[in-house]
């Protein structure tokens, strides 16, 4: 399996977890540099990795982070640490979206 395929599996697994809005990226956040793209918020190596996520404010944060850890670790085949980089209300339930 290529690095790109492995990263894509982790992204798909993390994105499928209820309560995950997306990956978190920015200054100081790990990224993976692949041919033709940069994947912010995910870093993997042969012995482990790290995933930074944005979680839905109304989800149980610790439980959701634990589900992300299990999903990402299973997809990557190595232990993954999860960092909740931000929390946010989904756009459909945000008070500003109803204005």
PDB file of N, CA and C in Angstrom:
ATOM      1  N   UNK A   1       0.850  -1.175   0.000  1.00  0.00           N
ATOM      2  CA  UNK A   1       0.000   0.000   0.000  1.00  0.00           C
ATOM      3  C   UNK A   1       0.901   1.246   0.000  1.00  0.00           C
ATOM      4  N   UNK A   2       0.561   2.205  -0.836  1.00  0.00           N
ATOM      5  CA  UNK A   2       1.355   3.431  -0.904  1.00  0.00           C
ATOM      6  C   UNK A   2       1.011   4.357   0.262  1.00  0.00           C
ATOM      7  N   UNK A   3       1.869   5.332   0.506  1.00  0.00           N
ATOM      8  CA  UNK A   3       1.609   6.328   1.558  1.00  0.00           C
ATOM      9  C   UNK A   3       0.325   7.083   1.282  1.00  0.00           C
ATOM     10  N   UNK A   4       0.092   7.408   0.028  1.00  0.00           N
ATOM     11  CA  UNK A   4      -1.113   8.141  -0.357  1.00  0.00           C
ATOM     12  C   UNK A   4      -2.369   7.320  -0.063  1.00  0.00           C
ATOM     13  N   UNK A   5      -2.337   6.037  -0.396  1.00  0.00           N
ATOM     14  CA  UNK A   5      -3.492   5.167  -0.130  1.00  0.00           C
ATOM     15  C   UNK A   5      -3.735   5.032   1.373  1.00  0.00           C
ATOM     16  N   UNK A   6      -2.668   4.907   2.115  1.00  0.00           N
ATOM     17  CA  UNK A   6      -2.783   4.771   3.576  1.00  0.00           C
ATOM     18  C   UNK A   6      -3.387   6.031   4.196  1.00  0.00           C
ATOM     19  N   UNK A   7      -2.922   7.198   3.765  1.00  0.00           N
ATOM     20  CA  UNK A   7      -3.471   8.462   4.256  1.00  0.00           C
ATOM     21  C   UNK A   7      -4.948   8.565   3.895  1.00  0.00           C
ATOM     22  N   UNK A   8      -5.296   8.200   2.659  1.00  0.00           N
ATOM     23  CA  UNK A   8      -6.697   8.270   2.230  1.00  0.00           C
ATOM     24  C   UNK A   8      -7.585   7.352   3.065  1.00  0.00           C
ATOM     25  N   UNK A   9      -7.084   6.175   3.437  1.00  0.00           N
ATOM     26  CA  UNK A   9      -7.850   5.268   4.305  1.00  0.00           C
ATOM     27  C   UNK A   9      -8.087   5.897   5.673  1.00  0.00           C
ATOM     28  N   UNK A  10      -7.064   6.530   6.222  1.00  0.00           N
ATOM     29  CA  UNK A  10      -7.195   7.178   7.531  1.00  0.00           C
ATOM     30  C   UNK A  10      -8.190   8.333   7.447  1.00  0.00           C
ATOM     31  N   UNK A  11      -8.091   9.150   6.412  1.00  0.00           N
ATOM     32  CA  UNK A  11      -9.018  10.272   6.251  1.00  0.00           C
ATOM     33  C   UNK A  11     -10.454   9.770   6.144  1.00  0.00           C
ATOM     34  N   UNK A  12     -10.674   8.732   5.350  1.00  0.00           N
ATOM     35  CA  UNK A  12     -12.024   8.183   5.196  1.00  0.00           C
ATOM     36  C   UNK A  12     -12.547   7.636   6.520  1.00  0.00           C
ATOM     37  N   UNK A  13     -11.699   6.932   7.259  1.00  0.00           N
ATOM     38  CA  UNK A  13     -12.120   6.362   8.543  1.00  0.00           C
ATOM     39  C   UNK A  13     -12.457   7.450   9.548  1.00  0.00           C
ATOM     40  N   UNK A  14     -11.626   8.474   9.622  1.00  0.00           N
ATOM     41  CA  UNK A  14     -11.856   9.579  10.561  1.00  0.00           C
ATOM     42  C   UNK A  14     -13.118  10.345  10.176  1.00  0.00           C
ATOM     43  N   UNK A  15     -13.282  10.616   8.893  1.00  0.00           N
ATOM     44  CA  UNK A  15     -14.438  11.380   8.417  1.00  0.00           C
ATOM     45  C   UNK A  15     -15.753  10.650   8.642  1.00  0.00           C
ATOM     46  N   UNK A  16     -15.707   9.328   8.714  1.00  0.00           N
ATOM     47  CA  UNK A  16     -16.921   8.537   8.903  1.00  0.00           C
ATOM     48  C   UNK A  16     -17.406   8.513  10.350  1.00  0.00           C
ATOM     49  N   UNK A  17     -16.605   8.989  11.278  1.00  0.00           N
ATOM     50  CA  UNK A  17     -16.987   8.980  12.695  1.00  0.00           C
ATOM     51  C   UNK A  17     -17.993  10.102  12.952  1.00  0.00           C
ATOM     52  N   UNK A  18     -19.137   9.742  13.543  1.00  0.00           N
ATOM     53  CA  UNK A  18     -20.135  10.753  13.896  1.00  0.00           C
ATOM     54  C   UNK A  18     -19.530  11.765  14.847  1.00  0.00           C
ATOM     55  N   UNK A  19     -19.774  13.042  14.565  1.00  0.00           N
ATOM     56  CA  UNK A  19     -19.259  14.106  15.406  1.00  0.00           C
ATOM     57  C   UNK A  19     -17.998  14.748  14.875  1.00  0.00           C
ATOM     58  N   UNK A  20     -17.414  14.176  13.827  1.00  0.00           N
ATOM     59  CA  UNK A  20     -16.219  14.763  13.216  1.00  0.00           C
ATOM     60  C   UNK A  20     -16.653  15.710  12.105  1.00  0.00           C
ATOM     61  N   UNK A  21     -16.211  16.960  12.208  1.00  0.00           N
ATOM     62  CA  UNK A  21     -16.494  17.933  11.153  1.00  0.00           C
ATOM     63  C   UNK A  21     -15.424  17.852  10.073  1.00  0.00           C
ATOM     64  N   UNK A  22     -14.182  17.624  10.462  1.00  0.00           N
ATOM     65  CA  UNK A  22     -13.109  17.507   9.480  1.00  0.00           C
ATOM     66  C   UNK A  22     -11.754  17.467  10.140  1.00  0.00           C
ATOM     67  N   UNK A  23     -10.728  17.505   9.321  1.00  0.00           N
ATOM     68  CA  UNK A  23      -9.360  17.557   9.822  1.00  0.00           C
ATOM     69  C   UNK A  23      -9.030  18.989  10.200  1.00  0.00           C
ATOM     70  N   UNK A  24      -8.142  19.148  11.163  1.00  0.00           N
ATOM     71  CA  UNK A  24      -7.709  20.473  11.596  1.00  0.00           C
ATOM     72  C   UNK A  24      -6.290  20.684  11.093  1.00  0.00           C
ATOM     73  N   UNK A  25      -6.064  21.819  10.455  1.00  0.00           N
ATOM     74  CA  UNK A  25      -4.714  22.109   9.977  1.00  0.00           C
ATOM     75  C   UNK A  25      -4.389  23.571  10.234  1.00  0.00           C
ATOM     76  N   UNK A  26      -3.141  23.885  10.138  1.00  0.00           N
ATOM     77  CA  UNK A  26      -2.699  25.254  10.358  1.00  0.00           C
ATOM     78  C   UNK A  26      -1.285  25.264  10.893  1.00  0.00           C
ATOM     79  N   UNK A  27      -0.807  26.435  11.299  1.00  0.00           N
ATOM     80  CA  UNK A  27       0.557  26.536  11.818  1.00  0.00           C
ATOM     81  C   UNK A  27       0.773  25.617  13.025  1.00  0.00           C
ATOM     82  N   UNK A  28       1.849  24.867  12.993  1.00  0.00           N
ATOM     83  CA  UNK A  28       2.187  23.989  14.105  1.00  0.00           C
ATOM     84  C   UNK A  28       1.480  22.652  14.103  1.00  0.00           C
ATOM     85  N   UNK A  29       0.598  22.436  13.144  1.00  0.00           N
ATOM     86  CA  UNK A  29      -0.142  21.176  13.057  1.00  0.00           C
ATOM     87  C   UNK A  29       0.567  20.278  12.046  1.00  0.00           C
ATOM     88  N   UNK A  30       0.743  18.992  12.363  1.00  0.00           N
ATOM     89  CA  UNK A  30       1.422  18.094  11.432  1.00  0.00           C
ATOM     90  C   UNK A  30       0.700  18.015  10.088  1.00  0.00           C
ATOM     91  N   UNK A  31       1.472  17.741   9.069  1.00  0.00           N
ATOM     92  CA  UNK A  31       0.925  17.551   7.729  1.00  0.00           C
ATOM     93  C   UNK A  31       1.721  16.454   7.035  1.00  0.00           C
ATOM     94  N   UNK A  32       1.111  15.884   6.022  1.00  0.00           N
ATOM     95  CA  UNK A  32       1.783  14.886   5.208  1.00  0.00           C
ATOM     96  C   UNK A  32       1.926  15.453   3.806  1.00  0.00           C
ATOM     97  N   UNK A  33       3.136  15.408   3.293  1.00  0.00           N
ATOM     98  CA  UNK A  33       3.423  15.931   1.958  1.00  0.00           C
ATOM     99  C   UNK A  33       3.470  14.762   0.986  1.00  0.00           C
ATOM    100  N   UNK A  34       2.520  14.757   0.062  1.00  0.00           N
ATOM    101  CA  UNK A  34       2.420  13.702  -0.936  1.00  0.00           C
ATOM    102  C   UNK A  34       2.581  14.322  -2.320  1.00  0.00           C
ATOM    103  N   UNK A  35       2.887  13.518  -3.315  1.00  0.00           N
ATOM    104  CA  UNK A  35       2.999  14.075  -4.662  1.00  0.00           C
ATOM    105  C   UNK A  35       1.699  14.779  -5.076  1.00  0.00           C
ATOM    106  N   UNK A  36       1.796  16.061  -5.334  1.00  0.00           N
ATOM    107  CA  UNK A  36       0.644  16.818  -5.808  1.00  0.00           C
ATOM    108  C   UNK A  36      -0.299  17.348  -4.760  1.00  0.00           C
ATOM    109  N   UNK A  37      -0.055  17.060  -3.481  1.00  0.00           N
ATOM    110  CA  UNK A  37      -0.958  17.565  -2.443  1.00  0.00           C
ATOM    111  C   UNK A  37      -0.313  17.532  -1.064  1.00  0.00           C
ATOM    112  N   UNK A  38      -0.862  18.368  -0.213  1.00  0.00           N
ATOM    113  CA  UNK A  38      -0.470  18.400   1.192  1.00  0.00           C
ATOM    114  C   UNK A  38      -1.717  18.073   1.995  1.00  0.00           C
ATOM    115  N   UNK A  39      -1.608  17.111   2.901  1.00  0.00           N
ATOM    116  CA  UNK A  39      -2.734  16.726   3.749  1.00  0.00           C
ATOM    117  C   UNK A  39      -2.457  17.252   5.148  1.00  0.00           C
ATOM    118  N   UNK A  40      -3.121  18.340   5.502  1.00  0.00           N
ATOM    119  CA  UNK A  40      -2.950  18.925   6.823  1.00  0.00           C
ATOM    120  C   UNK A  40      -3.720  18.155   7.871  1.00  0.00           C
ATOM    121  N   UNK A  41      -3.120  18.019   9.040  1.00  0.00           N
ATOM    122  CA  UNK A  41      -3.804  17.374  10.152  1.00  0.00           C
ATOM    123  C   UNK A  41      -3.549  15.893  10.297  1.00  0.00           C
ATOM    124  N   UNK A  42      -2.756  15.310   9.415  1.00  0.00           N
ATOM    125  CA  UNK A  42      -2.462  13.874   9.493  1.00  0.00           C
ATOM    126  C   UNK A  42      -0.967  13.674   9.285  1.00  0.00           C
ATOM    127  N   UNK A  43      -0.381  12.885  10.177  1.00  0.00           N
ATOM    128  CA  UNK A  43       1.029  12.522  10.041  1.00  0.00           C
ATOM    129  C   UNK A  43       1.169  11.065  10.446  1.00  0.00           C
ATOM    130  N   UNK A  44       1.744  10.244   9.564  1.00  0.00           N
ATOM    131  CA  UNK A  44       1.934   8.818   9.834  1.00  0.00           C
ATOM    132  C   UNK A  44       3.384   8.436   9.589  1.00  0.00           C
ATOM    133  N   UNK A  45       3.845   7.462  10.365  1.00  0.00           N
ATOM    134  CA  UNK A  45       5.117   6.818  10.057  1.00  0.00           C
ATOM    135  C   UNK A  45       4.952   5.336  10.358  1.00  0.00           C
ATOM    136  N   UNK A  46       6.022   4.599  10.316  1.00  0.00           N
ATOM    137  CA  UNK A  46       5.930   3.156  10.489  1.00  0.00           C
ATOM    138  C   UNK A  46       5.524   2.690  11.870  1.00  0.00           C
ATOM    139  N   UNK A  47       5.669   3.551  12.877  1.00  0.00           N
ATOM    140  CA  UNK A  47       5.376   3.123  14.248  1.00  0.00           C
ATOM    141  C   UNK A  47       4.174   3.815  14.880  1.00  0.00           C
ATOM    142  N   UNK A  48       3.602   4.805  14.208  1.00  0.00           N
ATOM    143  CA  UNK A  48       2.455   5.506  14.784  1.00  0.00           C
ATOM    144  C   UNK A  48       2.088   6.719  13.966  1.00  0.00           C
ATOM    145  N   UNK A  49       1.229   7.524  14.536  1.00  0.00           N
ATOM    146  CA  UNK A  49       0.816   8.719  13.819  1.00  0.00           C
ATOM    147  C   UNK A  49       0.011   9.644  14.698  1.00  0.00           C
ATOM    148  N   UNK A  50      -0.410  10.728  14.076  1.00  0.00           N
ATOM    149  CA  UNK A  50      -1.179  11.743  14.779  1.00  0.00           C
ATOM    150  C   UNK A  50      -2.228  12.294  13.824  1.00  0.00           C
ATOM    151  N   UNK A  51      -3.429  12.502  14.346  1.00  0.00           N
ATOM    152  CA  UNK A  51      -4.525  13.081  13.575  1.00  0.00           C
ATOM    153  C   UNK A  51      -5.093  14.237  14.380  1.00  0.00           C
ATOM    154  N   UNK A  52      -5.198  15.406  13.753  1.00  0.00           N
ATOM    155  CA  UNK A  52      -5.813  16.581  14.375  1.00  0.00           C
ATOM    156  C   UNK A  52      -7.191  16.769  13.752  1.00  0.00           C
ATOM    157  N   UNK A  53      -8.219  16.875  14.597  1.00  0.00           N
ATOM    158  CA  UNK A  53      -9.588  16.959  14.091  1.00  0.00           C
ATOM    159  C   UNK A  53     -10.342  18.157  14.657  1.00  0.00           C
ATOM    160  N   UNK A  54     -11.403  18.512  13.941  1.00  0.00           N
ATOM    161  CA  UNK A  54     -12.396  19.469  14.420  1.00  0.00           C
ATOM    162  C   UNK A  54     -13.637  18.645  14.722  1.00  0.00           C
ATOM    163  N   UNK A  55     -14.125  18.755  15.960  1.00  0.00           N
ATOM    164  CA  UNK A  55     -15.294  17.986  16.360  1.00  0.00           C
ATOM    165  C   UNK A  55     -16.509  18.883  16.503  1.00  0.00           C
ATOM    166  N   UNK A  56     -17.662  18.257  16.344  1.00  0.00           N
ATOM    167  CA  UNK A  56     -18.933  18.948  16.514  1.00  0.00           C
ATOM    168  C   UNK A  56     -19.130  19.269  17.989  1.00  0.00           C
ATOM    169  N   UNK A  57     -19.481  20.502  18.263  1.00  0.00           N
ATOM    170  CA  UNK A  57     -19.625  20.983  19.632  1.00  0.00           C
ATOM    171  C   UNK A  57     -20.607  20.151  20.443  1.00  0.00           C
ATOM    172  N   UNK A  58     -21.658  19.693  19.827  1.00  0.00           N
ATOM    173  CA  UNK A  58     -22.708  18.963  20.556  1.00  0.00           C
ATOM    174  C   UNK A  58     -22.409  17.479  20.737  1.00  0.00           C
ATOM    175  N   UNK A  59     -21.296  17.009  20.204  1.00  0.00           N
ATOM    176  CA  UNK A  59     -20.952  15.596  20.389  1.00  0.00           C
ATOM    177  C   UNK A  59     -20.197  15.431  21.706  1.00  0.00           C
ATOM    178  N   UNK A  60     -20.260  14.243  22.304  1.00  0.00           N
ATOM    179  CA  UNK A  60     -19.449  13.997  23.507  1.00  0.00           C
ATOM    180  C   UNK A  60     -17.974  13.935  23.088  1.00  0.00           C
ATOM    181  N   UNK A  61     -17.224  14.962  23.421  1.00  0.00           N
ATOM    182  CA  UNK A  61     -15.890  15.146  22.852  1.00  0.00           C
ATOM    183  C   UNK A  61     -14.926  14.003  23.155  1.00  0.00           C
ATOM    184  N   UNK A  62     -14.850  13.573  24.408  1.00  0.00           N
ATOM    185  CA  UNK A  62     -13.903  12.497  24.748  1.00  0.00           C
ATOM    186  C   UNK A  62     -14.274  11.184  24.068  1.00  0.00           C
ATOM    187  N   UNK A  63     -15.562  10.868  24.052  1.00  0.00           N
ATOM    188  CA  UNK A  63     -16.008   9.633  23.396  1.00  0.00           C
ATOM    189  C   UNK A  63     -15.765   9.694  21.893  1.00  0.00           C
ATOM    190  N   UNK A  64     -16.031  10.843  21.305  1.00  0.00           N
ATOM    191  CA  UNK A  64     -15.815  10.995  19.866  1.00  0.00           C
ATOM    192  C   UNK A  64     -14.330  10.882  19.539  1.00  0.00           C
ATOM    193  N   UNK A  65     -13.475  11.513  20.323  1.00  0.00           N
ATOM    194  CA  UNK A  65     -12.030  11.419  20.103  1.00  0.00           C
ATOM    195  C   UNK A  65     -11.556   9.970  20.226  1.00  0.00           C
ATOM    196  N   UNK A  66     -12.120   9.229  21.154  1.00  0.00           N
ATOM    197  CA  UNK A  66     -11.753   7.816  21.313  1.00  0.00           C
ATOM    198  C   UNK A  66     -12.193   7.001  20.092  1.00  0.00           C
ATOM    199  N   UNK A  67     -13.384   7.283  19.559  1.00  0.00           N
ATOM    200  CA  UNK A  67     -13.840   6.593  18.344  1.00  0.00           C
ATOM    201  C   UNK A  67     -12.940   6.945  17.155  1.00  0.00           C
ATOM    202  N   UNK A  68     -12.507   8.195  17.083  1.00  0.00           N
ATOM    203  CA  UNK A  68     -11.579   8.609  16.029  1.00  0.00           C
ATOM    204  C   UNK A  68     -10.269   7.836  16.167  1.00  0.00           C
ATOM    205  N   UNK A  69      -9.770   7.715  17.389  1.00  0.00           N
ATOM    206  CA  UNK A  69      -8.516   6.993  17.618  1.00  0.00           C
ATOM    207  C   UNK A  69      -8.624   5.544  17.158  1.00  0.00           C
ATOM    208  N   UNK A  70      -9.717   4.885  17.518  1.00  0.00           N
ATOM    209  CA  UNK A  70      -9.904   3.486  17.107  1.00  0.00           C
ATOM    210  C   UNK A  70     -10.001   3.368  15.587  1.00  0.00           C
ATOM    211  N   UNK A  71     -10.790   4.234  14.962  1.00  0.00           N
ATOM    212  CA  UNK A  71     -10.980   4.176  13.508  1.00  0.00           C
ATOM    213  C   UNK A  71      -9.676   4.460  12.769  1.00  0.00           C
ATOM    214  N   UNK A  72      -8.962   5.496  13.188  1.00  0.00           N
ATOM    215  CA  UNK A  72      -7.711   5.867  12.521  1.00  0.00           C
ATOM    216  C   UNK A  72      -6.642   4.799  12.720  1.00  0.00           C
ATOM    217  N   UNK A  73      -6.548   4.251  13.922  1.00  0.00           N
ATOM    218  CA  UNK A  73      -5.552   3.208  14.200  1.00  0.00           C
ATOM    219  C   UNK A  73      -5.820   1.961  13.373  1.00  0.00           C
ATOM    220  N   UNK A  74      -7.092   1.580  13.258  1.00  0.00           N
ATOM    221  CA  UNK A  74      -7.448   0.408  12.457  1.00  0.00           C
ATOM    222  C   UNK A  74      -7.119   0.643  10.981  1.00  0.00           C
ATOM    223  N   UNK A  75      -7.402   1.833  10.485  1.00  0.00           N
ATOM    224  CA  UNK A  75      -7.141   2.141   9.076  1.00  0.00           C
ATOM    225  C   UNK A  75      -5.644   2.218   8.782  1.00  0.00           C
ATOM    226  N   UNK A  76      -4.881   2.775   9.704  1.00  0.00           N
ATOM    227  CA  UNK A  76      -3.442   2.967   9.483  1.00  0.00           C
ATOM    228  C   UNK A  76      -2.625   1.724   9.792  1.00  0.00           C
ATOM    229  N   UNK A  77      -3.140   0.880  10.673  1.00  0.00           N
ATOM    230  CA  UNK A  77      -2.388  -0.299  11.080  1.00  0.00           C
ATOM    231  C   UNK A  77      -1.322  -0.013  12.121  1.00  0.00           C
ATOM    232  N   UNK A  78      -1.336   1.193  12.678  1.00  0.00           N
ATOM    233  CA  UNK A  78      -0.404   1.597  13.738  1.00  0.00           C
ATOM    234  C   UNK A  78      -1.179   2.447  14.742  1.00  0.00           C
ATOM    235  N   UNK A  79      -0.680   2.579  15.974  1.00  0.00           N
ATOM    236  CA  UNK A  79      -1.371   3.421  16.957  1.00  0.00           C
ATOM    237  C   UNK A  79      -1.397   4.888  16.505  1.00  0.00           C
ATOM    238  N   UNK A  80      -2.536   5.523  16.698  1.00  0.00           N
ATOM    239  CA  UNK A  80      -2.712   6.922  16.306  1.00  0.00           C
ATOM    240  C   UNK A  80      -3.113   7.737  17.527  1.00  0.00           C
ATOM    241  N   UNK A  81      -2.435   8.858  17.723  1.00  0.00           N
ATOM    242  CA  UNK A  81      -2.835   9.828  18.744  1.00  0.00           C
ATOM    243  C   UNK A  81      -3.794  10.815  18.097  1.00  0.00           C
ATOM    244  N   UNK A  82      -4.807  11.222  18.854  1.00  0.00           N
ATOM    245  CA  UNK A  82      -5.802  12.168  18.347  1.00  0.00           C
ATOM    246  C   UNK A  82      -5.696  13.462  19.131  1.00  0.00           C
ATOM    247  N   UNK A  83      -5.664  14.566  18.404  1.00  0.00           N
ATOM    248  CA  UNK A  83      -5.669  15.893  19.002  1.00  0.00           C
ATOM    249  C   UNK A  83      -6.928  16.598  18.517  1.00  0.00           C
ATOM    250  N   UNK A  84      -7.740  17.065  19.463  1.00  0.00           N
ATOM    251  CA  UNK A  84      -8.910  17.862  19.095  1.00  0.00           C
ATOM    252  C   UNK A  84      -8.414  19.296  18.960  1.00  0.00           C
ATOM    253  N   UNK A  85      -8.264  19.737  17.725  1.00  0.00           N
ATOM    254  CA  UNK A  85      -7.716  21.055  17.452  1.00  0.00           C
ATOM    255  C   UNK A  85      -8.731  22.168  17.560  1.00  0.00           C
ATOM    256  N   UNK A  86     -10.013  21.818  17.423  1.00  0.00           N
ATOM    257  CA  UNK A  86     -11.070  22.819  17.497  1.00  0.00           C
ATOM    258  C   UNK A  86     -12.400  22.102  17.644  1.00  0.00           C
ATOM    259  N   UNK A  87     -13.379  22.834  18.124  1.00  0.00           N
ATOM    260  CA  UNK A  87     -14.762  22.361  18.141  1.00  0.00           C
ATOM    261  C   UNK A  87     -15.601  23.432  17.461  1.00  0.00           C
ATOM    262  N   UNK A  88     -16.677  23.000  16.829  1.00  0.00           N
ATOM    263  CA  UNK A  88     -17.500  23.935  16.081  1.00  0.00           C
ATOM    264  C   UNK A  88     -18.918  23.404  16.001  1.00  0.00           C
ATOM    265  N   UNK A  89     -19.860  24.332  15.884  1.00  0.00           N
ATOM    266  CA  UNK A  89     -21.242  23.941  15.628  1.00  0.00           C
ATOM    267  C   UNK A  89     -21.371  23.676  14.135  1.00  0.00           C
ATOM    268  N   UNK A  90     -22.074  22.618  13.747  1.00  0.00           N
ATOM    269  CA  UNK A  90     -22.271  22.386  12.317  1.00  0.00           C
ATOM    270  C   UNK A  90     -23.040  23.561  11.714  1.00  0.00           C
ATOM    271  N   UNK A  91     -22.775  23.874  10.460  1.00  0.00           N
ATOM    272  CA  UNK A  91     -23.408  25.028   9.828  1.00  0.00           C
ATOM    273  C   UNK A  91     -24.926  24.958   9.863  1.00  0.00           C
ATOM    274  N   UNK A  92     -25.493  23.766   9.734  1.00  0.00           N
ATOM    275  CA  UNK A  92     -26.954  23.652   9.686  1.00  0.00           C
ATOM    276  C   UNK A  92     -27.614  23.989  11.017  1.00  0.00           C
ATOM    277  N   UNK A  93     -26.869  23.900  12.137  1.00  0.00           N
ATOM    278  CA  UNK A  93     -27.465  24.211  13.439  1.00  0.00           C
ATOM    279  C   UNK A  93     -26.916  25.493  14.034  1.00  0.00           C
ATOM    280  N   UNK A  94     -26.032  26.159  13.310  1.00  0.00           N
ATOM    281  CA  UNK A  94     -25.465  27.409  13.797  1.00  0.00           C
ATOM    282  C   UNK A  94     -26.523  28.506  13.791  1.00  0.00           C
ATOM    283  N   UNK A  95     -26.625  29.315  14.865  1.00  0.00           N
ATOM    284  CA  UNK A  95     -27.623  30.383  14.897  1.00  0.00           C
ATOM    285  C   UNK A  95     -27.494  31.344  13.717  1.00  0.00           C
ATOM    286  N   UNK A  96     -26.289  31.580  13.227  1.00  0.00           N
ATOM    287  CA  UNK A  96     -26.103  32.492  12.105  1.00  0.00           C
ATOM    288  C   UNK A  96     -26.651  31.915  10.808  1.00  0.00           C
ATOM    289  N   UNK A  97     -26.703  30.585  10.694  1.00  0.00           N
ATOM    290  CA  UNK A  97     -27.210  29.958   9.474  1.00  0.00           C
ATOM    291  C   UNK A  97     -28.714  30.156   9.336  1.00  0.00           C
ATOM    292  N   UNK A  98     -29.398  30.414  10.436  1.00  0.00           N
ATOM    293  CA  UNK A  98     -30.849  30.572  10.405  1.00  0.00           C
ATOM    294  C   UNK A  98     -31.283  32.006  10.164  1.00  0.00           C
ATOM    295  N   UNK A  99     -30.354  32.914  10.012  1.00  0.00           N
ATOM    296  CA  UNK A  99     -30.699  34.329   9.804  1.00  0.00           C
ATOM    297  C   UNK A  99     -30.952  34.641   8.367  1.00  0.00           C
TER     298      UNK A  99
END
